[in-house]
Amino acid sequence: MDKIAVLVPCYNEAKTVAKVVADFRRVLPECTVYVYDNNSTDGTAELAEKAGAVVRHEHRQGKGHVIRRMFREIDAECYVMVDGDDTYPAECAPAFVAPVLEKQADMVVGDRLSSTYFTENKRPFHNFGNTLVRGSINTIFHSDIKDVMTGYRAFNYQFVKSFPVLSKGFEIETEMTIHAIDKNMYVENVVIDYRDRVEGSVSKLNTYSDGFRVLRTVGRLFRSYKPFGYFSLIAAVLFALAVGFFIPVLAEYFNTGLVQRFPTLITCGFVAIAALQSLFAGLILHTMRQKDRQDFEARLIGISEDYKRKLTGVDHE
């Protein structure tokens, strides 16, 4: 088991990967740097290996696939995840490692948005998207995460081995954040200085398609992690529609003693029934989520025991 594992997912980062590897090896002499190459065609893997990294490969395209393989294959007391584009300062790494090793933090988040991100980043829609996603998650989940989509994070063993990676692409950071919030994990924020990519280095994040995936992920996780709130919102909308269309029918009945718009009345009844069904679906799923949280806590006990065995070198049998 490594003391500190630096995880660098890479796709065509030949211009910067060697510097990233060298910087983290200098700042964290006790670390092992793992570069996972995701079908690069520019020699990224070879340059990373020459710089002293342990190079492995993930052939399914997408950052989510890379993170899934990293988390499955590597055992460490502390994990530091960073992009290979040299936009995050290695000098901040000790501030990420300390809360994990000394204070048992589950996740440490590199907060770009409180420092230089909005001035360094030259893509205004990225700035808007980061603000929108952060605001949505903090509102829905009643949290105070400073930077949801940052690629600079640290984790402990329990987080890495308990996190179910479902995303395939750049929405993986959003999924990590919501998982930590939902499971009441200990999260710290560390303010970092963000710098834009070097000249000739191209972002793999598509502003519109990947942005839409991130927002869709927020909605999906809202439904999964907060089912009562999600389905209550749907129920409220349906009930408001039913009442809105029923009022004219009721007013007409009081005025004339007749119901002349039976199709509208029947539709209102079905919509009101759908609202009730949505409400009860939310209640049932909420109960199931509570059971899932209890099961998760039980799984953490097993992961903690496995961690202790690996630390002491005791066989699993």
Foldseek 3Di string as FASTA:
>chain_A
DAAEEEEEEDAAQQVFQLVVLLQLCVLPVRYAYEYEYAPHDPCNQVSNVVSPHHYHYDPQDAPLSVLLVVLVPDDYQKYKFAYRQPQFHSNCVVVQVCCCVPVVAFKEAAAAPVPCCVPQDPDVLVVVLQVVLQVLCCVLLVDDDRTQQHRTMMGGNLLSVLQDRDDGHSLRSNSSVLVCSLLVGGYHYDYTHGHDGDPPDDDPDDSPPNSVVNVVVSVVVSCQRQVLVNLLVVLVVLLVVLVVLVVVQVVVCVVPVDRPCVVSNVVSVVSNVVSVVSNVVSVVSVVVNVVVSVVSVVVSVVSVVVSVCVVVVHDPD
